[in-house]
Protein backbone atom coordinates (compact mmCIF):
# COMPACT_ATOMS: atom_id res chain seq x y z
CA MET A 1 -7.84 76.89 -75.91
CA THR A 2 -6.98 79.32 -73.12
CA ALA A 3 -3.98 78.13 -71.10
CA ASN A 4 -4.87 75.99 -68.12
CA SER A 5 -4.19 77.22 -64.58
CA LEU A 6 -1.00 75.15 -64.31
CA ALA A 7 0.48 76.70 -67.44
CA THR A 8 -0.54 80.15 -66.22
CA ILE A 9 1.32 79.69 -62.93
CA GLU A 10 4.37 78.33 -64.75
CA SER A 11 4.35 81.41 -66.99
CA LEU A 12 4.14 83.73 -63.96
CA ILE A 13 7.13 81.98 -62.41
CA SER A 14 9.27 82.22 -65.53
CA ASP A 15 8.44 85.92 -66.00
CA GLU A 16 8.87 86.94 -62.36
CA SER A 17 12.09 88.73 -61.35
CA ASN A 18 11.15 89.35 -57.70
CA PRO A 19 12.41 86.28 -55.74
CA ASP A 20 9.69 86.52 -53.07
CA ARG A 21 6.84 86.64 -55.56
CA ARG A 22 8.49 83.91 -57.61
CA SER A 23 8.74 81.65 -54.54
CA GLU A 24 5.12 82.28 -53.63
CA ASN A 25 4.03 81.34 -57.15
CA LEU A 26 6.28 78.30 -56.94
CA SER A 27 4.38 77.15 -53.85
CA ARG A 28 1.09 77.54 -55.74
CA LEU A 29 2.54 75.43 -58.54
CA GLY A 30 3.50 72.76 -56.01
CA VAL A 31 -0.08 72.51 -54.75
CA SER A 32 -1.40 72.23 -58.31
CA LEU A 33 1.10 69.49 -59.17
CA ALA A 34 0.23 67.54 -56.03
CA GLN A 35 -3.45 67.62 -56.94
CA LEU A 36 -2.59 66.17 -60.36
CA GLY A 37 -0.65 63.34 -58.71
CA ARG A 38 2.74 64.67 -59.78
CA ILE A 39 4.09 64.19 -56.29
CA ASP A 40 7.82 64.02 -57.11
CA GLU A 41 7.71 67.41 -58.81
CA ALA A 42 5.70 68.91 -55.94
CA SER A 43 8.18 67.48 -53.43
CA GLN A 44 11.10 69.03 -55.30
CA ILE A 45 9.38 72.41 -55.07
CA LEU A 46 8.91 71.90 -51.33
CA VAL A 47 12.67 71.34 -50.97
CA GLN A 48 13.33 74.58 -52.86
CA LEU A 49 10.92 76.54 -50.69
CA ARG A 50 12.43 75.24 -47.46
CA SER A 51 15.86 76.19 -48.72
CA TYR A 52 14.63 79.69 -49.57
CA LEU A 53 13.05 80.13 -46.15
CA SER A 54 16.25 79.02 -44.42
CA SER A 55 17.94 82.20 -45.61
CA ARG A 56 15.01 84.60 -45.91
CA TYR A 57 11.92 84.67 -43.68
CA VAL A 58 8.81 85.69 -45.64
CA LEU A 59 5.55 84.97 -43.86
CA ARG A 60 3.42 84.52 -46.99
CA ILE A 61 5.89 82.00 -48.38
CA LEU A 62 6.06 80.23 -45.01
CA ILE A 63 2.26 79.88 -44.88
CA ARG A 64 2.08 78.59 -48.45
CA THR A 65 4.93 76.17 -47.72
CA MET A 66 2.98 74.82 -44.74
CA ILE A 67 -0.04 74.30 -46.99
CA LEU A 68 2.16 72.32 -49.38
CA GLU A 69 3.55 70.30 -46.45
CA ALA A 70 0.00 69.17 -45.72
CA ILE A 71 -1.15 68.67 -49.30
CA ILE A 72 1.72 66.45 -50.50
CA PRO A 73 1.21 63.71 -47.85
CA TYR A 74 -2.53 63.81 -48.45
CA TYR A 75 -2.26 63.16 -52.18
CA ARG A 76 0.71 60.80 -51.83
CA ASP A 77 -0.42 58.61 -48.92
CA PHE A 78 -3.88 59.84 -47.88
CA ALA A 79 -2.18 61.09 -44.72
CA ASN A 80 -3.73 63.69 -42.43
CA TYR A 81 -1.44 66.64 -41.72
CA SER A 82 -4.17 69.02 -40.65
CA ASP A 83 -1.91 70.25 -37.85
CA ARG A 84 0.22 72.02 -40.46
CA LEU A 85 -2.88 73.71 -41.85
CA ARG A 86 -4.08 74.81 -38.42
CA ARG A 87 -0.68 76.40 -37.73
CA ALA A 88 -0.73 78.11 -41.13
CA HIS A 89 -4.25 79.36 -40.38
CA ALA A 90 -3.15 80.78 -37.03
CA LEU A 91 -0.30 82.67 -38.72
CA ALA A 92 -2.60 84.03 -41.44
CA VAL A 93 -5.11 85.21 -38.82
CA ALA A 94 -2.40 86.87 -36.69
CA ALA A 95 -1.00 88.68 -39.75
CA ASN A 96 -4.48 89.59 -41.04
CA MET A 97 -3.74 87.98 -44.41
CA VAL A 98 -7.35 87.58 -45.52
CA ASP A 99 -6.66 85.75 -48.78
CA LEU A 100 -4.37 83.17 -47.19
CA ARG A 101 -6.73 82.77 -44.25
CA GLY A 102 -9.43 81.84 -46.75
CA GLU A 103 -7.22 79.50 -48.77
CA VAL A 104 -5.97 77.63 -45.72
CA SER A 105 -9.56 77.31 -44.51
CA VAL A 106 -10.55 75.65 -47.78
CA TRP A 107 -7.87 73.00 -47.26
CA ILE A 108 -8.83 72.56 -43.61
CA ALA A 109 -12.38 71.87 -44.79
CA HIS A 110 -11.13 69.53 -47.53
CA LEU A 111 -9.14 67.34 -45.14
CA GLY A 112 -11.88 67.61 -42.51
CA PHE A 113 -14.38 66.15 -44.97
CA ASN A 114 -12.11 63.35 -46.14
CA PHE A 115 -11.08 62.31 -42.62
CA ASP A 116 -14.54 62.64 -41.03
CA ASP A 117 -13.29 65.48 -38.83
CA PHE A 118 -16.56 67.40 -38.64
CA GLN A 119 -15.17 70.10 -36.35
CA ASN A 120 -12.46 71.05 -38.85
CA LEU A 121 -14.91 70.70 -41.72
CA SER A 122 -17.30 73.14 -40.06
CA LEU A 123 -14.50 75.56 -39.16
CA GLY A 124 -12.96 75.47 -42.62
CA LEU A 125 -16.26 75.95 -44.44
CA SER A 126 -17.50 78.80 -42.27
CA GLU A 127 -14.16 80.63 -42.52
CA SER A 128 -13.74 80.21 -46.26
CA ILE A 129 -17.36 80.91 -47.30
CA ASP A 130 -17.18 84.19 -45.36
CA ARG A 131 -14.05 85.10 -47.34
CA PHE A 132 -15.26 83.79 -50.67
CA GLU A 133 -14.54 87.00 -52.55
CA SER A 134 -10.89 86.94 -51.44
CA LEU A 135 -10.33 83.46 -52.87
CA ASP A 136 -8.99 82.80 -56.36
CA GLY A 137 -11.02 80.73 -58.83
CA PRO A 138 -9.55 77.29 -58.02
CA HIS A 139 -10.10 77.75 -54.27
CA ARG A 140 -13.65 79.01 -54.80
CA ALA A 141 -14.36 75.96 -56.95
CA ARG A 142 -12.82 73.58 -54.40
CA LEU A 143 -14.88 75.09 -51.59
CA VAL A 144 -18.08 74.66 -53.60
CA LEU A 145 -16.99 71.11 -54.50
CA ILE A 146 -16.65 70.14 -50.83
CA VAL A 147 -20.26 71.15 -50.19
CA ALA A 148 -21.39 69.32 -53.34
CA ASP A 149 -19.55 66.16 -52.32
CA ALA A 150 -21.07 66.22 -48.86
CA LEU A 151 -24.57 66.62 -50.30
CA GLN A 152 -23.98 63.81 -52.79
CA TYR A 153 -22.72 61.51 -50.04
CA LEU A 154 -25.83 62.36 -48.01
CA GLY A 155 -27.98 61.35 -50.98
CA ARG A 156 -29.33 64.86 -51.63
CA ASP A 157 -28.80 64.55 -55.37
CA GLU A 158 -30.80 67.52 -56.63
CA LEU A 159 -29.18 70.02 -54.29
CA ALA A 160 -25.76 68.45 -54.91
CA ALA A 161 -26.29 68.91 -58.65
CA GLN A 162 -26.68 72.67 -58.14
CA TRP A 163 -23.42 72.90 -56.21
CA TYR A 164 -21.59 70.68 -58.71
CA GLY A 165 -22.85 72.95 -61.48
CA VAL A 166 -21.38 76.00 -59.73
CA ALA A 167 -18.07 74.21 -59.06
CA ARG A 168 -17.94 73.16 -62.70
CA ALA A 169 -18.55 76.70 -63.96
CA ILE A 170 -15.97 78.31 -61.65
CA SER A 171 -13.28 75.69 -62.37
CA ARG A 172 -13.92 76.04 -66.10
CA ASN A 173 -13.53 79.81 -65.88
CA ALA A 174 -10.30 79.27 -63.94
CA HIS A 175 -9.12 76.68 -66.51
CA ASP A 176 -8.31 74.31 -63.63
CA HIS A 177 -8.22 70.99 -65.45
CA GLY A 178 -7.31 68.91 -62.39
CA LEU A 179 -10.31 70.21 -60.50
CA MET A 180 -12.57 69.73 -63.52
CA VAL A 181 -11.64 66.04 -63.47
CA ALA A 182 -12.13 65.83 -59.68
CA ILE A 183 -15.62 67.30 -59.91
CA GLU A 184 -16.83 64.68 -62.37
CA PHE A 185 -15.15 61.84 -60.51
CA ASN A 186 -16.32 62.92 -57.05
CA ARG A 187 -19.92 63.22 -58.18
CA ILE A 188 -19.95 59.53 -59.07
CA GLY A 189 -17.57 58.36 -56.34
CA MET A 190 -19.57 59.98 -53.54
CA GLY A 191 -22.82 58.70 -54.97
CA LEU A 192 -21.51 55.15 -55.22
CA SER A 193 -20.24 55.35 -51.64
CA ASN A 194 -23.68 56.46 -50.48
CA LEU A 195 -25.33 53.61 -52.36
CA ARG A 196 -22.92 50.97 -51.05
CA VAL A 197 -23.34 51.97 -47.43
CA SER A 198 -27.10 52.47 -47.75
CA ARG A 199 -27.47 49.06 -49.35
CA ALA A 200 -25.34 47.48 -46.62
CA LEU A 201 -27.62 49.04 -43.99
CA GLY A 202 -30.69 47.64 -45.72
CA GLN A 203 -31.93 51.07 -46.77
CA MET A 204 -33.77 51.78 -50.02
CA VAL A 205 -31.43 52.14 -53.00
CA ASN A 206 -32.18 53.81 -56.35
CA TYR A 207 -30.77 51.24 -58.76
CA GLU A 208 -31.57 53.34 -61.85
CA ARG A 209 -29.35 56.09 -60.45
CA GLN A 210 -26.64 53.52 -59.84
CA ARG A 211 -26.94 52.16 -63.39
CA ASN A 212 -26.56 55.63 -64.87
CA TRP A 213 -23.37 56.24 -62.89
CA VAL A 214 -21.94 52.93 -64.02
CA LEU A 215 -22.38 54.09 -67.62
CA GLU A 216 -20.62 57.38 -66.86
CA LEU A 217 -17.46 55.84 -65.41
CA SER A 218 -15.86 55.22 -68.79
CA SER A 219 -16.36 58.84 -69.85
CA ILE A 220 -14.84 60.02 -66.57
CA ARG A 221 -11.77 57.88 -67.22
CA SER A 222 -11.43 59.41 -70.70
CA LEU A 223 -11.67 62.92 -69.27
CA HIS A 224 -9.12 62.02 -66.60
CA HIS A 225 -6.67 60.74 -69.22
CA GLY A 226 -7.27 63.67 -71.56
CA PHE A 227 -6.30 66.24 -68.94
CA GLY A 228 -3.16 64.34 -67.92
CA ALA A 229 -4.16 63.86 -64.28
CA GLN A 230 -2.47 60.97 -62.47
CA ALA A 231 -3.95 61.20 -58.99
CA LEU A 232 -7.19 59.30 -59.53
CA TYR A 233 -6.33 56.25 -61.65
CA GLU A 234 -6.50 53.76 -58.78
CA VAL A 235 -9.59 55.42 -57.34
CA LEU A 236 -11.27 54.99 -60.72
CA ASP A 237 -10.30 51.30 -60.67
CA LEU A 238 -11.91 50.98 -57.25
CA CYS A 239 -15.10 52.63 -58.52
CA ASP A 240 -15.08 50.27 -61.50
CA ALA A 241 -14.96 47.32 -59.10
CA PHE A 242 -17.90 48.71 -57.12
CA ALA A 243 -19.86 49.25 -60.33
CA LEU A 244 -19.14 45.70 -61.55
CA GLU A 245 -20.36 44.31 -58.24
CA ALA A 246 -23.57 46.29 -58.64
CA GLN A 247 -24.04 44.56 -62.00
CA SER A 248 -23.30 41.10 -60.48
CA LYS A 249 -20.11 40.88 -62.57
CA TYR A 250 -18.16 39.41 -59.69
CA LEU A 251 -15.31 37.75 -61.62
CA GLU A 252 -14.41 41.03 -63.29
CA ALA A 253 -14.57 42.80 -59.94
CA VAL A 254 -12.22 40.16 -58.49
CA ASP A 255 -9.57 40.94 -61.13
CA ILE A 256 -9.65 44.66 -60.32
CA LEU A 257 -9.63 44.18 -56.54
CA LYS A 258 -6.70 41.74 -56.77
CA GLY A 259 -4.78 44.26 -58.87
CA LEU A 260 -5.39 46.99 -56.32
CA ARG A 261 -4.40 44.64 -53.49
CA ARG A 262 -1.12 43.78 -55.27
CA SER A 263 -0.33 47.45 -55.88
CA GLY A 264 0.21 48.07 -52.18
CA ASN A 265 -1.42 51.48 -52.56
CA LEU A 266 -4.75 50.90 -50.82
CA HIS A 267 -3.69 53.25 -48.03
CA ARG A 268 -3.55 56.05 -50.61
CA LEU A 269 -7.22 55.47 -51.34
CA GLY A 270 -8.29 55.58 -47.71
CA VAL A 271 -9.42 51.95 -48.03
CA SER A 272 -8.92 49.24 -45.43
CA GLU A 273 -6.90 46.25 -46.62
CA HIS A 274 -8.99 44.02 -44.35
CA LEU A 275 -12.20 45.24 -45.98
CA ILE A 276 -10.80 44.63 -49.47
CA ASP A 277 -9.77 41.11 -48.42
CA LEU A 278 -13.31 40.43 -47.24
CA GLU A 279 -14.80 42.02 -50.35
CA LEU A 280 -12.59 39.79 -52.49
CA MET A 281 -13.78 36.72 -50.57
CA TRP A 282 -17.40 37.80 -51.03
CA CYS A 283 -16.97 38.35 -54.78
CA GLU A 284 -15.32 34.95 -55.18
CA VAL A 285 -18.09 33.25 -53.23
CA LYS A 286 -20.75 35.07 -55.29
CA ALA A 287 -18.93 34.03 -58.48
CA GLY A 288 -18.91 30.41 -57.32
CA ILE A 289 -15.14 30.02 -57.49
CA TYR A 290 -14.27 29.88 -53.79
CA SER A 291 -15.55 28.31 -50.57
CA PRO A 292 -13.79 29.74 -47.50
CA SER A 293 -13.25 27.57 -44.47
CA VAL A 294 -15.06 28.15 -41.20
CA ASP A 295 -11.78 29.38 -39.67
CA GLN A 296 -11.31 31.90 -42.49
CA ILE A 297 -14.80 33.26 -41.96
CA GLN A 298 -14.20 33.50 -38.22
CA GLU A 299 -10.98 35.41 -38.87
CA GLN A 300 -12.86 37.86 -41.09
CA TYR A 301 -15.51 38.31 -38.41
CA GLU A 302 -12.86 39.23 -35.84
CA ARG A 303 -11.45 41.81 -38.24
CA VAL A 304 -14.89 43.31 -38.93
CA VAL A 305 -15.47 43.92 -35.24
CA GLY A 306 -12.54 46.35 -35.17
CA MET A 307 -13.40 48.30 -38.33
CA ALA A 308 -14.59 51.91 -38.58
CA ALA A 309 -18.34 52.44 -38.97
CA ASN A 310 -18.67 52.61 -42.78
CA ASP A 311 -16.26 49.72 -43.32
CA GLN A 312 -18.01 47.75 -40.62
CA ALA A 313 -21.40 48.21 -42.26
CA LEU A 314 -20.03 46.87 -45.53
CA GLY A 315 -18.09 44.10 -43.80
CA VAL A 316 -21.14 42.84 -41.93
CA SER A 317 -23.12 42.86 -45.19
CA PHE A 318 -20.44 40.80 -46.96
CA LEU A 319 -20.19 38.33 -44.08
CA LYS A 320 -23.94 37.83 -43.82
CA SER A 321 -24.04 37.09 -47.54
CA ILE A 322 -21.15 34.62 -47.29
CA ILE A 323 -22.50 32.62 -44.36
CA LYS A 324 -25.78 31.94 -46.13
CA ASN A 325 -23.81 29.05 -47.67
CA TYR A 326 -23.03 27.70 -44.18
CA LYS A 327 -26.54 27.09 -42.93
CA ASN A 328 -26.03 25.76 -39.41
CA GLU A 329 -22.39 26.63 -38.74
CA PHE A 330 -22.84 30.31 -37.93
CA ASP A 331 -25.33 32.29 -35.90
CA ALA A 332 -26.06 35.56 -37.72
CA THR A 333 -27.77 37.23 -34.76
CA HIS A 334 -24.48 38.71 -33.52
CA LEU A 335 -23.96 40.24 -36.97
CA ASP A 336 -27.46 41.69 -36.84
CA ARG A 337 -26.62 43.37 -33.53
CA ILE A 338 -23.43 44.85 -34.99
CA ALA A 339 -25.36 46.07 -38.04
CA GLU A 340 -27.93 47.78 -35.83
CA LYS A 341 -25.24 49.49 -33.78
CA VAL A 342 -23.21 50.63 -36.78
CA GLY A 343 -26.38 51.87 -38.48
CA ARG A 344 -27.00 54.21 -35.56
CA ALA A 345 -23.38 55.41 -35.69
CA ILE A 346 -23.53 56.13 -39.43
CA ASN A 347 -26.83 57.98 -39.11
CA GLN A 348 -25.27 60.14 -36.39
CA GLU A 349 -22.27 60.85 -38.63
CA ARG A 350 -24.64 61.93 -41.38
CA VAL A 351 -26.34 64.31 -38.97
CA LEU A 352 -22.96 65.81 -38.02
CA LEU A 353 -21.97 66.14 -41.68
CA HIS A 354 -25.20 67.95 -42.52
CA GLU A 355 -24.76 70.28 -39.55
CA ALA A 356 -21.21 71.10 -40.72
CA ILE A 357 -22.31 72.14 -44.22
CA ALA A 358 -25.67 73.70 -43.24
CA PRO A 359 -24.35 77.30 -42.88
CA CYS A 360 -23.23 77.18 -46.54
CA LEU A 361 -26.47 75.94 -48.03
CA ASP A 362 -28.32 79.27 -48.12
CA ARG A 363 -25.34 80.89 -49.89
CA ILE A 364 -25.82 79.04 -53.18
CA GLU A 365 -27.82 81.80 -54.87
CA SER A 366 -25.33 84.48 -53.81
CA VAL A 367 -22.43 82.40 -55.12
CA LYS A 368 -24.21 81.72 -58.41
CA ARG A 369 -25.17 85.38 -58.85
CA ASN A 370 -21.73 86.82 -58.12
CA TRP A 371 -19.22 84.22 -59.27
CA MET A 372 -20.64 82.15 -62.14
CA ILE A 373 -19.22 84.33 -64.89
C-alpha cells in the first residue's frame, strides 16, 4: 500500500537538510499527530519549533507553529484557541502567503463549526474555498468534510452524501488515514446528533436511518483501530451509548455513560457533565433500576435551565420523561415553555449554519470535476 500521509511527512523530515524546510515539515507532522490523538508527540514538536523560532525568525514556520498551538488544545481538551488562528491568518494575508492563508482558513472554519461560531465558520469557508487549488490534499478533504458535516447535522442526507463522497476520495488520494477515519465517524456522529435533538424537540425522526447507523458503528470502530487513530475512542463510546438508547437498551447505555463519567474526559468531547448526569438518571429510570427523589429532580431542573440550547433541548426531554413517574408532584408546563423557547433558538442556529455554508454548496461540481482524481 502507498505510504500514508504521516509516513510521507516523516520521510521528508528525515531527508531534508535545509533546517527551515525541515522545521516547516515538522510543524505539519505535529498537526497530523494531534489529529490522530498523539498529543504528547505533537506537544514535543511544538517545543522544538518554539526553540527554533527563538533563535531564527521564519514567518512560514511561525504561522505553522501558531496553527499547531491552536490544534493541540482542541484535540487534547476541546479548547477553543481560534485567536491563534486569526493571528496566523492576519500574518499570512499581510505576507501574501496564499497557501498558508488557505490552510489557516480551513482550521478557522473547523473550529468555527465545532464551537458554533458561525461568523468564523463563514469566514473560514469562504476564504478556503476560494483558495482551494492552493491547498494540499488533506486540507482540501478537511474543508469538504466541514461542509458535509454541516449538511449531515442539518439533516440534508443526500447532499451530505455527495460531499462525504468527495472528502473520502480526496483523503484516499492523499493517503490521510486519520481523516479517512474522521469522515466515516463524523457521518454517523453528526447524523445521530441531528436525530437526538430533533427527537427531543418532538420533530419527525427517521428511525430506519437511525437503525442503519447503529449497525455501522462497529465497522467504524474497526476502521478506527486498524488505522491506529487514538483521538476518537471516547467519542465512539458516546455514540455507542446514544445508539443503545435508541434501541431501548438502557442498562448497556448506563455502563458506557458511567465509564465516560469516571474517565474525567467529558470536556474533551464537548459534552456537559450535567447533561450526562441527567442522561444517566433517565437511562436508570427507563431501565427500572432507579427512582430519584423529588429534590434530585428539582436539582436537575435547575441545572437544565442554565444549559446551552442543544443540551437544554435534550435535558428537557429527559426530565419530562422522568417526571411521568411522579404524576402530581411536578407541573410540566414550565418545561413545555422552555422546550418551545429552545426550539426557536435551535431553529435559528440551523438557519445561521446553513447561511454559513451556502456559498460553498454550488461549488460541489467544480470540486468533483477538478479534484476527484
